[in-house]
Structure formats: C-alpha cells, structure tokens
N, C-alpha and C. Protein backbone atom coordinates (compact mmCIF):
# COMPACT_ATOMS: atom_id res chain seq x y z
N UNK A 1 -5.24 -10.08 56.28
CA UNK A 1 -6.75 -9.61 55.81
C UNK A 1 -7.17 -10.10 54.36
N UNK A 2 -7.67 -11.30 54.57
CA UNK A 2 -8.49 -11.67 52.96
C UNK A 2 -9.71 -11.07 52.05
N UNK A 3 -9.54 -10.46 51.40
CA UNK A 3 -10.58 -9.59 50.05
C UNK A 3 -10.39 -10.24 49.16
N UNK A 4 -11.59 -10.21 48.38
CA UNK A 4 -11.91 -10.15 47.00
C UNK A 4 -9.97 -9.90 46.00
N UNK A 5 -9.60 -9.10 46.31
CA UNK A 5 -8.75 -8.41 45.76
C UNK A 5 -7.79 -9.21 45.94
N UNK A 6 -7.65 -10.28 47.16
CA UNK A 6 -5.89 -11.14 47.62
C UNK A 6 -6.63 -12.42 47.10
N UNK A 7 -7.36 -12.75 46.67
CA UNK A 7 -7.60 -13.64 46.29
C UNK A 7 -8.05 -13.85 44.72
N UNK A 8 -8.00 -12.86 43.73
CA UNK A 8 -8.02 -12.37 42.42
C UNK A 8 -6.54 -12.63 41.93
N UNK A 9 -5.56 -12.11 42.71
CA UNK A 9 -4.14 -12.45 42.15
C UNK A 9 -3.47 -13.56 42.55
N UNK A 10 -3.57 -14.54 43.66
CA UNK A 10 -3.34 -16.01 43.54
C UNK A 10 -4.12 -16.74 42.45
N UNK A 11 -5.49 -16.50 42.04
CA UNK A 11 -5.88 -17.05 41.02
C UNK A 11 -5.81 -16.55 39.65
N UNK A 12 -5.16 -15.37 39.24
CA UNK A 12 -4.88 -14.85 37.95
C UNK A 12 -3.50 -15.69 37.56
N UNK A 13 -2.28 -16.12 38.79
CA UNK A 13 -1.55 -15.99 38.50
C UNK A 13 -1.39 -17.70 38.42
N UNK A 14 -2.11 -18.58 38.73
CA UNK A 14 -2.29 -20.24 38.29
C UNK A 14 -3.17 -19.84 37.45
N UNK A 15 -3.51 -19.10 36.99
CA UNK A 15 -4.12 -19.13 35.27
C UNK A 15 -2.99 -19.27 34.38
N UNK A 16 -2.37 -17.71 34.71
CA UNK A 16 -1.15 -17.45 33.79
C UNK A 16 -0.30 -19.20 33.66
N UNK A 17 -0.15 -19.25 34.58
CA UNK A 17 1.02 -20.82 34.72
C UNK A 17 -0.01 -21.63 34.28
N UNK A 18 -1.40 -22.08 34.29
CA UNK A 18 -2.19 -23.01 34.13
C UNK A 18 -1.98 -23.02 32.34
N UNK A 19 -1.99 -21.69 31.43
CA UNK A 19 -1.94 -21.62 29.75
C UNK A 19 -0.30 -21.61 29.49
N UNK A 20 0.43 -21.51 30.24
CA UNK A 20 2.08 -21.56 30.08
C UNK A 20 2.17 -23.13 30.09
N UNK A 21 1.65 -23.90 31.37
CA UNK A 21 1.41 -25.24 30.70
C UNK A 21 1.30 -26.26 29.70
N UNK A 22 0.05 -25.51 29.26
CA UNK A 22 -0.73 -25.88 28.12
C UNK A 22 -0.08 -26.11 27.26
N UNK A 23 1.48 -25.15 26.55
CA UNK A 23 2.17 -24.70 25.78
C UNK A 23 3.17 -25.74 25.21
N UNK A 24 3.43 -26.77 26.34
CA UNK A 24 4.33 -27.54 26.51
C UNK A 24 3.75 -28.74 24.99
N UNK A 25 4.81 -29.09 25.11
CA UNK A 25 4.78 -30.45 24.02
C UNK A 25 4.34 -31.65 24.08
N UNK A 26 3.04 -32.22 24.22
CA UNK A 26 2.74 -33.72 24.73
C UNK A 26 2.02 -32.91 26.05
N UNK A 27 1.65 -31.73 26.32
CA UNK A 27 0.66 -31.85 27.24
C UNK A 27 -0.60 -32.57 27.52
N UNK A 28 -0.78 -33.00 28.90
CA UNK A 28 -1.62 -33.90 28.88
C UNK A 28 -2.59 -33.35 30.28
N UNK A 29 -2.05 -32.31 31.05
CA UNK A 29 -2.96 -31.75 32.09
C UNK A 29 -1.64 -31.72 33.34
N UNK A 30 -2.52 -30.78 34.11
CA UNK A 30 -1.43 -30.17 34.85
C UNK A 30 -1.50 -31.33 36.41
N UNK A 31 -2.39 -32.18 36.58
CA UNK A 31 -2.28 -33.21 37.48
C UNK A 31 -2.63 -32.16 39.09
N UNK A 32 -2.19 -32.13 40.09
CA UNK A 32 -2.53 -31.82 41.51
C UNK A 32 -2.31 -30.07 41.02
N UNK A 33 -0.89 -29.77 40.13
CA UNK A 33 -0.80 -28.44 40.04
C UNK A 33 -0.39 -27.75 41.59
N UNK A 34 0.24 -28.50 42.11
CA UNK A 34 0.95 -27.86 43.31
C UNK A 34 -0.46 -27.18 44.01
N UNK A 35 -1.66 -27.76 44.09
CA UNK A 35 -2.72 -27.82 45.30
C UNK A 35 -2.40 -28.84 46.50
N UNK A 36 -2.84 -28.47 47.58
CA UNK A 36 -2.61 -28.49 48.46
C UNK A 36 -3.55 -29.86 49.02
N UNK A 37 -3.46 -30.51 49.96
CA UNK A 37 -4.12 -32.33 50.44
C UNK A 37 -3.63 -32.58 51.07
N UNK A 38 -4.35 -33.62 51.72
CA UNK A 38 -4.36 -34.56 52.46
C UNK A 38 -4.80 -36.04 52.62
N UNK A 39 -4.21 -36.66 52.96
CA UNK A 39 -4.44 -38.25 52.34
C UNK A 39 -4.21 -38.75 51.44
N UNK A 40 -4.87 -39.04 50.05
CA UNK A 40 -4.22 -39.28 48.83
C UNK A 40 -3.37 -38.05 47.96
N UNK A 41 -4.31 -36.88 48.10
CA UNK A 41 -3.94 -35.41 47.58
C UNK A 41 -2.47 -35.32 48.49
N UNK A 42 -2.18 -35.76 49.31
CA UNK A 42 -0.63 -35.63 50.09
C UNK A 42 0.07 -36.00 49.82
N UNK A 43 1.48 -34.92 49.56
CA UNK A 43 2.67 -35.36 48.45
C UNK A 43 3.12 -37.16 48.99
N UNK A 44 3.12 -37.04 50.27
CA UNK A 44 3.15 -38.54 50.94
C UNK A 44 2.52 -38.85 51.72
N UNK A 45 1.17 -38.22 51.36
CA UNK A 45 0.11 -39.26 52.11
C UNK A 45 -0.49 -38.91 53.41
N UNK A 46 0.31 -38.40 54.17
CA UNK A 46 -0.10 -37.75 55.34
C UNK A 46 -1.79 -37.41 55.68
N UNK A 47 -2.19 -37.79 56.67
CA UNK A 47 -3.97 -37.66 57.02
C UNK A 47 -4.08 -36.48 57.72
N UNK A 48 -5.08 -36.47 57.11
CA UNK A 48 -6.46 -35.37 57.66
C UNK A 48 -5.54 -34.58 59.09
N UNK A 49 -5.56 -35.43 60.50
CA UNK A 49 -4.87 -35.03 61.36
C UNK A 49 -3.43 -33.99 61.35
N UNK A 50 -2.65 -34.81 60.60
CA UNK A 50 -1.17 -34.51 60.24
C UNK A 50 -1.20 -33.09 59.07
N UNK A 51 -2.19 -32.67 58.29
CA UNK A 51 -2.31 -31.70 57.95
C UNK A 51 -2.65 -30.60 58.14
N UNK A 52 -3.41 -31.27 59.64
CA UNK A 52 -4.52 -29.83 59.48
C UNK A 52 -3.23 -28.98 61.56
N UNK A 53 -2.68 -29.98 61.79
CA UNK A 53 -2.08 -29.87 62.93
C UNK A 53 -0.65 -28.63 62.20
N UNK A 54 -0.24 -29.64 61.01
CA UNK A 54 1.28 -28.65 60.56
C UNK A 54 0.59 -26.89 60.08
N UNK A 55 -0.02 -26.90 59.51
CA UNK A 55 -0.78 -25.90 58.67
C UNK A 55 -1.04 -25.07 60.06
N UNK A 56 -1.94 -25.24 61.18
CA UNK A 56 -2.06 -24.42 62.41
C UNK A 56 -1.12 -24.21 62.83
N UNK A 57 0.06 -24.83 63.26
CA UNK A 57 1.40 -24.83 63.99
C UNK A 57 2.16 -23.44 62.69
N UNK A 58 2.35 -24.04 61.89
CA UNK A 58 3.24 -23.35 60.70
C UNK A 58 2.88 -21.94 60.58
N UNK A 59 1.43 -21.95 60.39
CA UNK A 59 0.78 -20.45 60.07
C UNK A 59 0.96 -19.36 61.58
N UNK A 60 0.76 -20.16 62.89
CA UNK A 60 1.29 -19.35 63.53
C UNK A 60 2.24 -19.05 63.90
N UNK A 61 3.42 -19.71 63.67
CA UNK A 61 4.59 -19.77 63.65
C UNK A 61 5.13 -18.35 62.99
N UNK A 62 4.52 -18.26 61.54
CA UNK A 62 4.74 -17.41 60.56
C UNK A 62 4.40 -16.25 60.92
N UNK A 63 3.21 -15.98 61.52
CA UNK A 63 2.43 -14.77 62.08
C UNK A 63 3.20 -14.11 62.92
N UNK A 64 3.66 -14.81 63.95
CA UNK A 64 4.91 -14.46 65.36
C UNK A 64 6.06 -13.80 64.75
N UNK A 65 6.52 -14.66 63.48
CA UNK A 65 7.80 -13.83 62.53
C UNK A 65 7.38 -12.58 62.56
N UNK A 66 6.17 -12.40 61.70
CA UNK A 66 5.85 -11.03 60.85
C UNK A 66 5.79 -10.20 61.94
N UNK A 67 4.91 -10.49 62.94
CA UNK A 67 4.35 -9.53 63.66
C UNK A 67 5.95 -8.94 64.81
N UNK A 68 6.66 -9.89 65.01
CA UNK A 68 7.94 -9.28 65.78
C UNK A 68 8.68 -8.83 65.02
N UNK A 69 9.17 -9.38 63.62
CA UNK A 69 10.26 -8.38 62.55
C UNK A 69 9.07 -7.39 62.16
N UNK A 70 8.22 -6.80 62.78
CA UNK A 70 7.60 -5.76 61.65
C UNK A 70 7.62 -4.93 62.79
N UNK A 71 7.56 -5.16 64.39
CA UNK A 71 7.33 -4.46 65.62
C UNK A 71 8.14 -3.10 65.54
N UNK A 72 7.73 -2.16 66.22
CA UNK A 72 8.57 -0.82 65.89
C UNK A 72 9.91 -1.05 67.12
N UNK A 73 10.41 -1.97 67.97
CA UNK A 73 11.17 -2.50 68.17
C UNK A 73 12.23 -2.86 67.37
N UNK A 74 12.02 -3.85 66.38
CA UNK A 74 12.68 -4.43 65.71
C UNK A 74 13.82 -3.77 64.80
N UNK A 75 14.67 -4.28 64.50
CA UNK A 75 15.45 -3.52 63.86
C UNK A 75 15.10 -3.22 62.61
N UNK A 76 15.30 -1.65 62.16
CA UNK A 76 14.91 -1.36 60.92
C UNK A 76 15.30 -2.26 59.43
N UNK A 77 14.55 -2.95 58.82
CA UNK A 77 15.08 -3.25 57.38
C UNK A 77 15.43 -4.60 57.44
N UNK A 78 15.16 -5.30 58.62
CA UNK A 78 15.27 -6.50 58.19
C UNK A 78 14.49 -7.16 58.26
N UNK A 79 13.28 -7.07 58.35
CA UNK A 79 11.55 -7.57 58.45
C UNK A 79 11.30 -8.62 57.18
N UNK A 80 11.97 -8.24 55.96
CA UNK A 80 12.47 -9.10 54.37
C UNK A 80 12.82 -10.48 55.24
N UNK A 81 14.00 -10.87 55.35
CA UNK A 81 15.10 -11.44 55.52
C UNK A 81 14.52 -12.46 56.35
N UNK A 82 13.66 -11.88 57.50
CA UNK A 82 13.29 -12.80 58.59
C UNK A 82 12.13 -13.50 57.95
N UNK A 83 10.96 -13.25 57.29
CA UNK A 83 10.18 -13.70 56.87
C UNK A 83 10.31 -14.23 55.71
N UNK A 84 11.27 -14.02 54.70
CA UNK A 84 11.97 -14.72 54.01
C UNK A 84 12.00 -16.27 54.10
N UNK A 85 13.22 -16.07 55.07
CA UNK A 85 13.56 -17.65 55.49
C UNK A 85 12.95 -17.85 56.43
N UNK A 86 11.61 -17.36 57.26
CA UNK A 86 11.06 -18.12 57.64
C UNK A 86 10.18 -19.11 57.01
N UNK A 87 9.70 -18.35 55.93
CA UNK A 87 8.94 -19.13 55.20
C UNK A 87 9.46 -20.28 54.10
N UNK A 88 10.83 -19.69 53.86
CA UNK A 88 11.67 -21.23 53.49
C UNK A 88 11.84 -22.04 54.11
N UNK A 89 11.74 -22.15 55.23
CA UNK A 89 11.74 -23.05 56.23
C UNK A 89 10.25 -24.08 56.34
N UNK A 90 9.49 -22.87 56.78
CA UNK A 90 8.15 -23.79 56.82
C UNK A 90 7.62 -24.20 55.45
N UNK A 91 8.02 -23.94 54.06
CA UNK A 91 8.47 -24.60 52.80
C UNK A 91 8.88 -25.94 52.91
N UNK A 92 10.25 -26.04 53.17
CA UNK A 92 10.46 -26.38 53.61
C UNK A 92 10.53 -28.29 54.86
N UNK A 93 9.49 -27.67 55.27
CA UNK A 93 8.72 -28.27 56.81
C UNK A 93 8.20 -29.18 55.89
N UNK A 94 7.29 -28.54 55.18
CA UNK A 94 5.56 -28.79 55.31
C UNK A 94 4.91 -29.18 53.92
N UNK A 95 6.25 -29.00 52.89
CA UNK A 95 5.71 -29.25 51.46
C UNK A 95 5.63 -31.42 51.14
N UNK A 96 6.31 -31.60 51.88
CA UNK A 96 6.09 -33.05 52.11
C UNK A 96 4.51 -33.47 52.62
N UNK A 97 3.78 -32.55 53.37
CA UNK A 97 2.79 -33.15 54.06
C UNK A 97 1.57 -32.63 53.34
N UNK A 98 1.93 -31.20 53.04
CA UNK A 98 0.86 -30.58 52.62
C UNK A 98 0.67 -30.27 51.27
N UNK A 99 1.82 -29.67 50.57
CA UNK A 99 2.64 -28.80 49.59
C UNK A 99 2.09 -27.70 49.71
N UNK A 100 1.96 -27.23 51.43
CA UNK A 100 2.39 -26.04 52.19
C UNK A 100 1.23 -25.09 51.29
N UNK A 101 0.79 -24.76 52.48
CA UNK A 101 -0.40 -23.61 52.35
C UNK A 101 0.06 -22.58 53.28
N UNK A 102 -0.13 -22.23 54.40
CA UNK A 102 -0.15 -21.04 55.14
C UNK A 102 -0.96 -19.59 54.54
N UNK A 103 -1.67 -19.73 54.07
CA UNK A 103 -2.14 -19.26 52.97
C UNK A 103 -3.57 -19.34 51.99
N UNK A 104 -4.56 -18.75 52.80
CA UNK A 104 -5.74 -19.51 52.00
C UNK A 104 -5.88 -19.05 50.46
N UNK A 105 -5.49 -18.14 50.23
CA UNK A 105 -5.68 -17.14 48.87
C UNK A 105 -4.65 -18.16 48.26
N UNK A 106 -3.53 -18.62 48.50
CA UNK A 106 -2.64 -19.62 47.63
C UNK A 106 -3.32 -20.97 47.19
N UNK A 107 -3.74 -21.37 48.36
CA UNK A 107 -4.43 -22.74 48.14
C UNK A 107 -5.92 -22.88 47.00
N UNK A 108 -6.40 -21.50 47.68
CA UNK A 108 -7.54 -21.24 46.58
C UNK A 108 -7.50 -21.62 45.27
N UNK A 109 -6.05 -20.62 44.54
CA UNK A 109 -5.65 -20.23 43.64
C UNK A 109 -5.63 -21.25 42.79
N UNK A 110 -4.92 -22.25 42.84
CA UNK A 110 -4.25 -23.22 42.13
C UNK A 110 -5.61 -24.14 42.29
N UNK A 111 -6.31 -24.59 43.42
CA UNK A 111 -7.28 -25.17 43.29
C UNK A 111 -8.49 -25.38 42.24
N UNK A 112 -8.40 -24.37 42.24
CA UNK A 112 -9.73 -24.11 40.38
C UNK A 112 -8.91 -24.73 39.29
N UNK A 113 -7.75 -25.47 39.41
CA UNK A 113 -7.37 -25.84 38.22
C UNK A 113 -6.23 -27.18 38.52
N UNK A 114 -6.53 -27.73 39.42
CA UNK A 114 -5.71 -28.82 39.60
C UNK A 114 -6.85 -30.12 39.23
N UNK A 115 -5.89 -31.03 38.90
CA UNK A 115 -7.43 -32.18 38.25
C UNK A 115 -7.38 -33.12 39.21
N UNK A 116 -7.30 -32.68 40.31
CA UNK A 116 -7.58 -33.77 41.69
C UNK A 116 -9.20 -33.66 42.58
N UNK A 117 -9.04 -33.45 43.49
CA UNK A 117 -10.06 -33.23 44.43
C UNK A 117 -10.07 -31.91 45.21
N UNK A 118 -8.54 -31.07 45.00
CA UNK A 118 -8.35 -30.17 45.50
C UNK A 118 -9.22 -29.55 46.45
N UNK A 119 -10.44 -28.76 45.43
CA UNK A 119 -11.39 -28.13 45.67
C UNK A 119 -12.12 -28.82 46.97
N UNK A 120 -12.32 -29.99 47.30
CA UNK A 120 -13.25 -30.79 47.99
C UNK A 120 -12.33 -31.03 49.83
N UNK A 121 -11.21 -30.28 49.31
CA UNK A 121 -10.62 -30.51 50.57
C UNK A 121 -9.78 -28.61 51.08
N UNK A 122 -10.41 -28.25 50.40
CA UNK A 122 -10.15 -26.55 50.41
C UNK A 122 -10.16 -26.32 51.62
N UNK A 123 -11.33 -26.96 52.09
CA UNK A 123 -11.60 -25.94 53.47
C UNK A 123 -10.47 -25.97 54.83
N UNK A 124 -10.04 -27.26 54.45
CA UNK A 124 -8.94 -27.19 55.83
C UNK A 124 -7.93 -26.16 55.60
N UNK A 125 -7.62 -25.90 54.62
CA UNK A 125 -6.48 -25.39 54.18
C UNK A 125 -6.84 -23.38 53.89
N UNK A 126 -8.56 -23.12 54.33
CA UNK A 126 -9.28 -21.95 54.82
C UNK A 126 -8.75 -21.95 56.53
N UNK A 127 -9.31 -23.37 56.71
CA UNK A 127 -9.86 -23.43 58.78
C UNK A 127 -8.13 -22.92 59.12
N UNK A 128 -7.66 -24.06 58.97
CA UNK A 128 -5.99 -24.43 59.16
C UNK A 128 -5.40 -22.85 59.63
N UNK A 129 -5.21 -22.09 58.60
CA UNK A 129 -4.36 -21.34 58.49
C UNK A 129 -4.80 -19.55 59.27
N UNK A 130 -6.49 -20.05 59.22
CA UNK A 130 -7.09 -18.99 60.08
C UNK A 130 -7.24 -19.14 61.67
N UNK A 131 -7.39 -20.23 61.75
CA UNK A 131 -6.88 -20.66 63.29
C UNK A 131 -5.47 -20.56 63.42
N UNK A 132 -4.75 -20.74 63.06
CA UNK A 132 -2.93 -20.62 63.86
C UNK A 132 -2.47 -19.49 63.62
N UNK A 133 -3.52 -18.27 62.24
CA UNK A 133 -3.27 -16.81 62.87
C UNK A 133 -3.51 -16.32 63.95
N UNK A 134 -4.64 -16.80 64.00
CA UNK A 134 -5.62 -16.42 65.82
C UNK A 134 -4.49 -16.62 66.78
N UNK A 135 -3.96 -17.84 67.06
CA UNK A 135 -2.99 -18.62 67.78
C UNK A 135 -2.08 -17.52 67.71
N UNK A 136 -1.27 -17.58 66.48
CA UNK A 136 0.08 -16.84 66.58
C UNK A 136 -0.23 -15.48 67.21
N UNK A 137 -1.37 -14.57 67.09
CA UNK A 137 -1.64 -13.18 67.51
C UNK A 137 -1.68 -13.30 68.95
N UNK A 138 -2.40 -14.65 69.66
CA UNK A 138 -2.38 -14.54 70.90
C UNK A 138 -0.80 -14.76 71.55
N UNK A 139 -0.46 -15.68 70.76
CA UNK A 139 1.10 -15.94 71.72
C UNK A 139 2.00 -14.86 71.35
N UNK A 140 1.71 -14.05 69.68
CA UNK A 140 2.81 -12.77 69.96
C UNK A 140 2.32 -11.96 71.03
N UNK A 141 0.83 -11.50 71.19
CA UNK A 141 0.95 -10.83 72.18
C UNK A 141 1.00 -11.03 73.66
N UNK A 142 1.00 -12.29 74.32
CA UNK A 142 1.74 -12.61 75.23
C UNK A 142 2.77 -12.76 75.77
N UNK A 143 3.50 -13.03 74.90
CA UNK A 143 4.93 -13.30 74.40
C UNK A 143 5.69 -11.82 74.37
N UNK A 144 5.24 -10.68 73.71
CA UNK A 144 5.65 -9.98 73.29
C UNK A 144 5.30 -8.58 74.63
N UNK A 145 4.31 -8.89 75.23
CA UNK A 145 3.99 -7.45 76.55
C UNK A 145 3.11 -6.55 76.03
N UNK A 146 2.33 -6.60 74.54
CA UNK A 146 2.13 -5.58 74.41
C UNK A 146 0.97 -5.28 74.96
N UNK A 147 0.78 -3.69 75.14
CA UNK A 147 -0.50 -3.68 75.65
C UNK A 147 -1.15 -3.04 75.23
N UNK A 148 -1.11 -2.50 73.49
CA UNK A 148 -2.39 -2.12 72.61
C UNK A 148 -2.44 -2.89 71.63
C-alpha cells in the first residue's frame, strides 16, 4: 500500500544521503544518485521496453515470494530469509537494466535529488511495479488455490 508515509521515508533517506555526499572533499554533485532509468539513464542503456518488462516481471516474482513466504501454511520464521534472498536476486538481475525499482517509493525518493532526467522517467517506475504487483497477486491466487 502506497501512502504519504511510505513516500516520506525513502525521500528522507535520500535527503540524508544527499547531505552526507555533499560533505565529501571536491563534491561536484550526485549525478544519477542511483535513480532508475531507461535509455540514456539506464546503467547499460537498456530501452523503455526492456525496462518495463523487467520491472513488471521482477515485481510480480517478488510479490509471489512475499505472499508465499508469509502465508499461514508457510514455515514460521523463514519469510525474512526468502524475501531477502529474492530481493538480492532481483537486484543482481536488474541493476544493470534499470538500477532496480520494484518499489515506487524507492524510485521517487532518489529521483528528487538526481541530476538527470530521472523525474521525467519516474512514471515507468510507478506503472510497471503496480502492474507487476497485480499480475503477481493473480498468479499467486491461481497457483496457491486460496479461496479467500
């Protein structure tokens, strides 16, 4: 669930990192500041289509892991391990493509401080994760067979 509070924490964290970065001798700016992007703003110059697909698919995958590992039938206490390992894998796969979003709040927080066109591409990092979450929820519901 995205709320104002969910957006404030990543933005505040990005602001703190921005202030810290300014303390470096010879500071000339933060550049992209790990913001998400496609085309020229992608770490390896992946296009819009590639960025959209990877964000949708990996968000769906992540949601399936979260729902499965926190389900009442899942072994207690293992959810943090499954979720953490899944998120690590997601980052290893998608950092070269988009700098990894799978979370609109994470994308928004750093986009405010990036010295690039990150804000103009922010729409993708809202639309794709939301679509991916919907797809992941549908897949989980079908696969898990839950009636509720």
